[in-house]
Protein backbone atom coordinates (compact mmCIF):
# COMPACT_ATOMS: atom_id res chain seq x y z
CA MET A 1 0.00 0.00 0.00
CA ASP A 2 1.17 3.51 -0.83
CA PHE A 3 -0.44 6.14 1.43
CA SER A 4 1.20 9.20 -0.13
CA ASP A 5 0.14 11.25 -3.16
CA SER A 6 2.19 11.11 -6.32
CA ALA A 7 3.49 14.46 -7.56
CA ALA A 8 0.56 14.76 -9.98
CA GLU A 9 -1.95 13.78 -7.28
CA ALA A 10 -0.49 16.33 -4.85
CA THR A 11 -0.83 19.05 -7.51
CA PHE A 12 -4.43 18.05 -8.17
CA ARG A 13 -5.20 18.01 -4.43
CA GLU A 14 -3.89 21.56 -4.02
CA GLU A 15 -5.90 22.72 -7.06
CA ALA A 16 -9.08 21.17 -5.64
CA ARG A 17 -8.48 22.58 -2.16
CA THR A 18 -7.88 26.08 -3.51
CA TRP A 19 -11.02 26.07 -5.65
CA LEU A 20 -13.19 24.71 -2.84
CA ALA A 21 -11.93 27.29 -0.35
CA ALA A 22 -12.82 30.10 -2.74
CA ASN A 23 -16.23 28.82 -3.82
CA ILE A 24 -18.06 27.25 -0.85
CA PRO A 25 -21.47 29.00 -0.65
CA SER A 26 -21.68 31.60 2.09
CA ASP A 27 -24.36 31.67 4.77
CA GLU A 28 -25.84 34.71 3.04
CA GLU A 29 -26.17 32.81 -0.26
CA LEU A 30 -27.88 29.89 1.44
CA GLU A 31 -30.21 31.92 3.66
CA GLY A 32 -33.87 31.24 2.92
CA LEU A 33 -33.19 28.16 0.78
CA ASP A 34 -34.35 24.67 1.78
CA TYR A 35 -31.91 21.75 1.68
CA ILE A 36 -32.94 20.79 -1.88
CA ASP A 37 -32.28 24.26 -3.30
CA ARG A 38 -29.03 24.50 -1.32
CA ALA A 39 -27.84 21.21 -2.76
CA LYS A 40 -28.76 22.29 -6.29
CA LEU A 41 -27.00 25.64 -5.92
CA TRP A 42 -23.73 23.98 -4.85
CA GLN A 43 -23.95 21.23 -7.47
CA LYS A 44 -24.53 23.76 -10.29
CA ARG A 45 -21.58 25.84 -9.10
CA LYS A 46 -19.32 22.80 -9.22
CA TYR A 47 -20.67 21.83 -12.63
CA ASP A 48 -20.16 25.28 -14.16
CA ALA A 49 -16.53 25.28 -12.96
CA GLY A 50 -15.79 21.72 -14.10
CA TRP A 51 -15.72 20.14 -10.62
CA ALA A 52 -18.89 18.01 -10.82
CA CYS A 53 -18.73 14.27 -11.54
CA ILE A 54 -15.16 14.76 -12.70
CA ARG A 55 -14.61 11.08 -13.48
CA TRP A 56 -17.38 11.11 -16.10
CA PRO A 57 -16.58 11.71 -19.79
CA GLU A 58 -16.60 15.36 -20.82
CA ALA A 59 -19.49 14.69 -23.20
CA TYR A 60 -21.70 13.81 -20.22
CA GLY A 61 -20.68 16.69 -17.93
CA GLY A 62 -17.43 15.39 -16.40
CA ARG A 63 -13.74 16.00 -17.16
CA ASP A 64 -12.39 12.48 -17.82
CA ALA A 65 -10.55 12.50 -14.49
CA SER A 66 -9.07 9.36 -12.94
CA ALA A 67 -10.71 7.41 -10.14
CA ILE A 68 -8.08 8.54 -7.64
CA GLU A 69 -8.65 12.19 -8.60
CA GLN A 70 -12.35 11.74 -7.80
CA VAL A 71 -11.36 10.27 -4.42
CA ILE A 72 -9.02 13.19 -3.73
CA LEU A 73 -11.75 15.70 -4.58
CA ASN A 74 -14.17 13.88 -2.27
CA GLN A 75 -11.60 13.94 0.54
CA GLU A 76 -10.97 17.64 0.17
CA GLU A 77 -14.65 18.56 -0.12
CA ALA A 78 -15.35 16.59 3.07
CA LYS A 79 -13.15 19.06 4.96
CA PHE A 80 -15.58 21.91 4.21
CA ASP A 81 -19.10 22.59 5.43
CA THR A 82 -20.96 22.15 2.15
CA PRO A 83 -24.73 21.82 1.56
CA MET A 84 -26.05 18.29 2.02
CA SER A 85 -26.05 16.38 -1.26
CA ILE A 86 -29.24 14.87 -2.68
CA PHE A 87 -27.44 13.44 -5.73
CA MET A 88 -25.72 10.34 -4.33
CA ILE A 89 -28.25 7.92 -5.79
CA GLY A 90 -28.40 9.57 -9.20
CA GLN A 91 -24.70 10.25 -9.64
CA GLY A 92 -23.34 7.27 -7.71
CA MET A 93 -25.81 4.53 -8.70
CA ALA A 94 -28.11 5.46 -11.59
CA ALA A 95 -25.47 7.16 -13.73
CA PRO A 96 -22.97 4.26 -13.79
CA THR A 97 -25.80 1.91 -14.73
CA LEU A 98 -27.01 4.24 -17.49
CA MET A 99 -23.44 4.57 -18.79
CA THR A 100 -23.07 0.79 -18.91
CA TYR A 101 -26.43 -0.18 -20.42
CA GLY A 102 -27.95 2.97 -21.92
CA ASN A 103 -27.70 4.04 -25.55
CA GLU A 104 -25.87 7.18 -26.63
CA GLU A 105 -29.09 9.16 -27.01
CA ALA A 106 -30.13 8.43 -23.41
CA LYS A 107 -26.67 9.24 -22.03
CA ALA A 108 -26.52 12.57 -23.86
CA ARG A 109 -30.04 13.50 -22.76
CA TYR A 110 -29.96 12.56 -19.06
CA LEU A 111 -26.38 12.58 -17.75
CA PRO A 112 -25.50 16.29 -18.13
CA ASP A 113 -28.66 17.31 -16.24
CA LEU A 114 -27.76 14.80 -13.55
CA ALA A 115 -24.19 16.13 -13.27
CA SER A 116 -25.39 19.74 -13.03
CA GLY A 117 -27.97 18.96 -10.36
CA GLU A 118 -30.89 20.13 -12.48
CA LYS A 119 -32.48 16.67 -12.28
CA VAL A 120 -32.53 14.31 -9.29
CA TRP A 121 -32.88 10.52 -9.49
CA CYS A 122 -34.06 7.85 -7.05
CA GLN A 123 -33.71 4.05 -6.86
CA LEU A 124 -36.86 1.90 -6.92
CA PHE A 125 -35.62 -1.50 -5.73
CA SER A 126 -36.85 -2.56 -2.26
CA GLU A 127 -40.33 -4.03 -1.75
CA PRO A 128 -42.37 -4.86 1.36
CA ALA A 129 -42.39 -8.63 0.72
CA ALA A 130 -38.81 -8.99 -0.56
CA GLY A 131 -36.71 -7.86 2.40
CA SER A 132 -33.00 -8.02 1.59
CA ASP A 133 -33.66 -10.47 -1.25
CA LEU A 134 -33.99 -8.15 -4.24
CA ALA A 135 -34.63 -11.09 -6.58
CA ALA A 136 -37.86 -11.82 -4.66
CA LEU A 137 -39.51 -8.62 -5.90
CA ARG A 138 -43.09 -8.79 -7.24
CA THR A 139 -43.71 -5.48 -9.05
CA SER A 140 -44.83 -6.66 -12.50
CA ALA A 141 -43.95 -5.46 -15.98
CA VAL A 142 -46.22 -6.67 -18.81
CA ARG A 143 -45.40 -5.93 -22.44
CA ASP A 144 -48.05 -3.95 -24.34
CA GLY A 145 -46.83 -3.15 -27.84
CA GLY A 146 -44.03 -0.61 -27.57
CA ASP A 147 -44.70 -0.01 -23.86
CA TRP A 148 -44.55 -1.88 -20.58
CA ILE A 149 -47.37 -1.71 -18.00
CA ILE A 150 -46.09 -1.56 -14.42
CA ASN A 151 -48.09 -2.54 -11.32
CA GLY A 152 -46.84 -3.00 -7.78
CA GLN A 153 -45.21 -1.27 -4.82
CA LYS A 154 -41.74 -0.16 -3.78
CA ILE A 155 -40.70 0.97 -0.31
CA TRP A 156 -37.86 2.83 1.47
CA THR A 157 -37.32 4.88 -1.70
CA SER A 158 -35.07 7.75 -0.61
CA GLY A 159 -35.97 11.12 -2.12
CA ALA A 160 -38.84 9.88 -4.30
CA HIS A 161 -40.95 12.85 -3.21
CA TYR A 162 -38.58 15.37 -4.83
CA CYS A 163 -37.02 13.28 -7.62
CA ASP A 164 -37.49 13.76 -11.35
CA TYR A 165 -36.49 10.27 -12.53
CA GLY A 166 -36.00 6.82 -11.07
CA ILE A 167 -34.35 3.49 -11.87
CA LEU A 168 -36.73 0.54 -11.49
CA VAL A 169 -36.42 -3.26 -11.35
CA THR A 170 -39.52 -5.31 -12.19
CA ARG A 171 -40.59 -8.92 -12.68
CA SER A 172 -41.32 -9.45 -16.36
CA ASP A 173 -41.47 -13.28 -16.31
CA PRO A 174 -42.76 -15.12 -13.21
CA THR A 175 -42.41 -18.55 -14.88
CA VAL A 176 -38.62 -18.72 -14.61
CA ALA A 177 -36.25 -18.77 -11.62
CA LYS A 178 -36.43 -15.56 -9.65
CA HIS A 179 -33.04 -14.17 -10.74
CA LYS A 180 -33.84 -14.72 -14.44
CA GLY A 181 -37.26 -13.08 -14.77
CA LEU A 182 -36.33 -9.46 -13.99
CA THR A 183 -36.21 -6.45 -16.31
CA TYR A 184 -34.70 -3.03 -15.54
CA PHE A 185 -36.05 0.41 -16.58
CA TYR A 186 -35.69 4.12 -15.92
CA LEU A 187 -38.77 6.33 -15.78
CA ASP A 188 -40.18 9.80 -15.20
CA MET A 189 -41.37 10.04 -11.59
CA LYS A 190 -44.23 12.31 -12.73
CA SER A 191 -45.69 9.54 -14.92
CA PRO A 192 -49.47 8.96 -14.57
CA GLY A 193 -50.25 6.14 -12.13
CA ILE A 194 -47.38 6.81 -9.68
CA GLU A 195 -48.38 7.61 -6.09
CA ILE A 196 -45.71 8.61 -3.55
CA LYS A 197 -46.31 8.46 0.21
CA PRO A 198 -43.54 9.75 2.51
CA ILE A 199 -42.75 7.58 5.56
CA LYS A 200 -42.43 9.33 8.92
CA GLN A 201 -39.18 8.37 10.65
CA ILE A 202 -38.36 8.26 14.35
CA SER A 203 -36.22 11.36 13.82
CA GLY A 204 -39.31 13.28 12.69
CA GLN A 205 -38.05 13.50 9.11
CA SER A 206 -39.50 11.86 6.01
CA ASN A 207 -36.52 11.13 3.79
CA PHE A 208 -37.89 7.98 2.18
CA ASN A 209 -41.20 6.81 0.80
CA GLU A 210 -43.63 4.18 -0.34
CA VAL A 211 -44.18 4.31 -4.11
CA TYR A 212 -47.23 2.70 -5.75
CA PHE A 213 -47.53 1.86 -9.47
CA THR A 214 -50.97 1.48 -11.04
CA ASP A 215 -50.90 0.77 -14.79
CA VAL A 216 -47.85 2.97 -15.25
CA ARG A 217 -46.64 3.01 -18.86
CA ILE A 218 -42.92 2.95 -19.64
CA PRO A 219 -41.66 2.99 -23.26
CA ASP A 220 -39.49 0.02 -24.17
CA SER A 221 -36.84 2.57 -25.20
CA GLN A 222 -36.34 3.21 -21.45
CA ARG A 223 -35.32 -0.38 -20.75
CA LEU A 224 -31.70 -0.90 -19.61
CA GLY A 225 -30.29 -4.25 -20.68
CA ASP A 226 -32.16 -7.08 -22.35
CA VAL A 227 -35.55 -8.38 -21.23
CA GLY A 228 -34.83 -10.79 -18.38
CA GLN A 229 -31.37 -9.31 -17.74
CA GLY A 230 -32.53 -7.15 -14.84
CA TRP A 231 -30.52 -9.02 -12.22
CA GLN A 232 -27.22 -8.46 -14.04
CA VAL A 233 -28.05 -4.78 -14.55
CA SER A 234 -29.00 -4.48 -10.88
CA LEU A 235 -25.61 -5.81 -9.80
CA THR A 236 -23.98 -2.84 -11.51
CA THR A 237 -26.19 -0.53 -9.46
CA LEU A 238 -25.61 -2.44 -6.21
CA MET A 239 -21.82 -2.44 -6.53
CA ASN A 240 -21.88 1.31 -6.99
CA GLU A 241 -24.44 1.70 -4.17
CA ARG A 242 -22.14 0.10 -1.61
CA ALA A 243 -19.25 2.25 -2.74
CA SER A 244 -21.45 5.38 -2.42
CA ILE A 245 -22.77 4.42 1.00
CA GLY A 246 -19.25 3.55 2.09
CA ALA A 247 -18.19 7.11 1.31
CA GLY A 248 -20.47 8.03 4.19
CA GLY A 249 -21.55 11.33 5.66
CA ALA A 250 -21.33 13.11 9.00
CA SER A 251 -21.84 10.78 11.96
CA VAL A 252 -20.46 9.96 15.40
CA ASN A 253 -16.80 8.89 15.25
CA PHE A 254 -13.92 8.26 17.66
CA ASP A 255 -12.81 11.89 17.84
CA LEU A 256 -16.29 13.06 18.81
CA ALA A 257 -16.72 10.30 21.41
CA TYR A 258 -13.26 10.94 22.87
CA LYS A 259 -13.81 14.69 23.25
CA LEU A 260 -17.24 14.07 24.76
CA ALA A 261 -15.73 11.69 27.35
CA GLN A 262 -13.25 14.41 28.29
CA ARG A 263 -16.01 16.97 28.91
CA ILE A 264 -18.75 14.85 30.50
CA SER A 265 -18.61 13.95 34.20
CA LEU A 266 -19.20 10.41 35.41
CA ASP A 267 -19.29 9.75 39.16
CA ASP A 268 -17.93 13.25 39.87
CA ALA A 269 -14.94 12.80 37.55
CA PRO A 270 -14.35 13.17 33.83
CA ALA A 271 -15.75 10.14 32.05
CA ILE A 272 -12.38 9.58 30.36
CA GLU A 273 -10.97 8.53 33.74
CA ASP A 274 -13.36 5.57 33.94
CA ARG A 275 -11.64 2.29 32.95
CA ALA A 276 -14.70 0.94 31.14
CA VAL A 277 -15.04 4.15 29.10
CA ARG A 278 -11.36 4.05 28.13
CA ALA A 279 -11.64 0.39 27.14
CA LYS A 280 -14.58 1.14 24.82
CA LEU A 281 -12.76 4.08 23.26
CA ALA A 282 -9.64 1.98 22.73
CA ASP A 283 -11.67 -0.71 20.96
CA TRP A 284 -13.29 1.85 18.66
CA TYR A 285 -9.93 3.49 17.92
CA VAL A 286 -8.60 0.12 16.76
CA VAL A 287 -11.71 -0.51 14.62
CA GLU A 288 -11.55 2.95 13.00
CA SER A 289 -7.84 2.49 12.29
CA GLY A 290 -8.57 -0.86 10.66
CA LEU A 291 -11.28 0.69 8.49
CA LYS A 292 -9.00 3.59 7.54
CA TYR A 293 -6.17 1.35 6.40
CA THR A 294 -8.57 -0.99 4.61
CA GLY A 295 -9.81 2.09 2.79
CA TYR A 296 -6.21 2.96 1.88
CA ARG A 297 -6.00 -0.38 0.09
CA THR A 298 -8.86 0.77 -2.09
CA LEU A 299 -7.17 4.12 -2.72
CA SER A 300 -3.92 2.39 -3.68
CA ALA A 301 -5.80 0.08 -6.07
CA LEU A 302 -7.57 3.06 -7.65
CA SER A 303 -4.28 4.91 -7.97
CA ARG A 304 -2.90 1.95 -9.96
CA GLY A 305 -5.98 1.92 -12.18
CA GLU A 306 -7.34 -1.29 -10.65
CA ILE A 307 -10.96 -2.04 -9.73
CA PRO A 308 -11.44 -2.95 -6.02
CA GLY A 309 -13.27 -6.21 -5.37
CA PRO A 310 -15.91 -7.55 -2.94
CA GLU A 311 -13.60 -6.97 0.03
CA ASN A 312 -15.02 -3.43 0.02
CA SER A 313 -18.00 -4.90 1.90
CA ILE A 314 -15.75 -4.86 5.00
CA GLY A 315 -16.35 -1.12 5.36
CA LYS A 316 -20.10 -1.46 5.70
CA ALA A 317 -20.07 -4.78 7.61
CA VAL A 318 -17.81 -3.28 10.29
CA GLY A 319 -18.54 0.43 10.07
CA ALA A 320 -22.34 0.40 10.34
CA PRO A 321 -22.51 -1.55 13.66
CA LYS A 322 -19.64 0.54 15.03
CA THR A 323 -21.50 3.77 14.29
CA GLN A 324 -24.63 2.51 16.03
CA ASP A 325 -22.67 1.34 19.09
CA MET A 326 -20.79 4.63 19.39
CA ALA A 327 -23.95 6.72 19.06
CA SER A 328 -25.61 4.68 21.82
CA PHE A 329 -22.51 5.07 24.02
CA CYS A 330 -22.50 8.86 23.55
CA MET A 331 -26.22 9.04 24.36
CA ASP A 332 -25.51 7.16 27.60
CA LEU A 333 -22.79 9.66 28.49
CA LEU A 334 -25.13 12.58 27.85
CA GLU A 335 -27.77 11.07 30.18
CA MET A 336 -30.84 13.38 30.33
CA ALA A 337 -29.18 15.91 28.01
CA GLY A 338 -29.44 13.30 25.29
CA ALA A 339 -33.13 14.14 24.97
CA ILE A 340 -32.23 17.60 23.61
CA SER A 341 -31.94 17.41 19.82
CA ASP A 342 -32.24 21.11 18.96
CA PRO A 343 -29.04 21.84 16.96
CA ASP A 344 -28.70 25.21 18.71
CA LEU A 345 -28.70 23.59 22.16
CA ALA A 346 -27.53 20.00 21.81
CA GLU A 347 -23.99 18.66 22.05
CA ALA A 348 -22.33 18.51 18.60
CA ALA A 349 -25.29 20.41 17.09
CA GLY A 350 -27.54 17.37 17.53
CA LEU A 351 -25.33 15.04 15.47
CA ILE A 352 -25.27 12.44 18.27
CA GLN A 353 -29.06 12.29 18.48
CA MET A 354 -29.51 12.15 14.70
CA THR A 355 -26.90 9.39 14.39
CA TYR A 356 -28.50 7.45 17.24
CA MET A 357 -31.89 7.50 15.52
CA GLY A 358 -30.58 6.97 12.00
CA SER A 359 -27.78 4.44 12.51
CA PRO A 360 -30.03 1.33 12.68
CA GLY A 361 -31.07 2.11 9.12
CA GLY A 362 -27.41 2.17 8.09
CA ARG A 363 -27.25 -1.53 8.89
CA ILE A 364 -30.06 -2.18 6.38
CA ALA A 365 -29.56 0.34 3.54
CA GLY A 366 -27.45 -1.02 0.69
CA GLY A 367 -27.55 -4.56 2.07
CA THR A 368 -28.04 -5.80 5.62
CA ASP A 369 -25.23 -6.92 7.91
CA GLU A 370 -26.07 -10.50 6.96
CA ILE A 371 -25.82 -9.77 3.22
CA MET A 372 -22.42 -8.12 3.68
CA LEU A 373 -21.12 -11.03 5.74
CA ASN A 374 -22.35 -13.50 3.12
CA ILE A 375 -20.50 -11.56 0.40
CA LEU A 376 -17.30 -11.64 2.43
CA ALA A 377 -17.70 -15.32 3.29
CA GLU A 378 -18.52 -16.51 -0.22
CA ARG A 379 -16.62 -14.13 -2.50
CA VAL A 380 -13.59 -13.21 -0.38
CA LEU A 381 -13.01 -16.26 1.83
CA GLY A 382 -14.33 -18.79 -0.70
CA MET A 383 -16.73 -20.48 1.71
CA PRO A 384 -19.71 -22.53 0.41
CA GLN A 385 -22.84 -20.61 -0.55
CA GLU A 386 -25.65 -20.35 1.98
CA PRO A 387 -28.32 -23.02 1.25
CA ARG A 388 -31.25 -21.68 -0.79
CA MET A 389 -34.45 -23.70 -0.94
CA ASP A 390 -35.81 -21.67 -3.88
CA LYS A 391 -32.81 -22.14 -6.18
CA GLY A 392 -33.85 -22.98 -9.73
CA ILE A 393 -37.59 -23.02 -8.94
CA PRO A 394 -39.89 -20.87 -11.14
CA PHE A 395 -40.84 -17.76 -9.21
CA ASN A 396 -44.58 -18.43 -9.41
CA GLU A 397 -44.06 -21.88 -7.86
CA ILE A 398 -42.14 -20.70 -4.79
CA PRO A 399 -44.30 -21.23 -1.66
CA THR A 400 -45.35 -17.95 -0.09
CA GLY A 401 -46.98 -19.24 3.08
CA SER A 402 -50.30 -17.66 2.16
């Protein structure tokens, strides 16, 4: 592993840092804007200056940058207080899939607007009856001339209530094994027959939704991949999803927990003096160090032009439970003050409370803990596959228990 920048990478890092420092939106510019408009303002500014989606081809709004240059830009941007992004799904998941399976007309039409932030995309995968098994989905697609008729329901769809387009996986053939009867589309979220119902979260927010499809028409020209190839197309999205989620956002980490333990009293002494507190912090420091150096392996691979493999699931399999445990620990240290979530009054501007309420979802989004562990066991360690009783059985013959 090589942890240092090459001369060219160091030059690029300084260029990125300088531009970011000079162009981060001011409080005055953001005043009066909601988080969607703030995100769009910042994305358009990056796009106009050539700093949006830099790894994409220039024809689609990027600058043909290398993978490691994209990583460097992400690292430098993370050091600044920028508006929250609403483009992770579109730019990190939908766009790579469209680039792989879409025709040139579709790429030219949709990707520049996605890079500039003028259009926002969502991902319509999860369903109430499928759980973590995407291939068990039931939303149907029936061919009708040059169109497909879609009926069914999706759930946990982040951002559907403000998105312009979505990527959608459907079941087009229930008479074959469940992984073989899927077909993948993209669609306009304002299409007739789509109903979106936001889901109220424990945090009080409504970031994701239920989405219902009633005789929704999608032109066959908006199909990605061949009919029945939806599973293979979905894998492209899922690989990019885990990489995007792994990039992470603001949450409780070792530094925050350590500083909190220094300030909070426990039994009339700083909490940091308690042996049990120090032991927990030491464990988390080791885990975070392991995750950091595992991430450096990915950076080194990208720097050499290589594509990282399924070992990247380590980040989510280890990091998501760690974040939940640390948030719970910090809430315990805060005691009654943990009930205060007002950013103007709460410790760390309410980040601890928001992480505490949101971190359980981090162990589900993008694949549950169990899915990640199965990937590591089967594809990294070479262990036998988990037994599947529905393997090779036509989907419409799989017992449902009803």
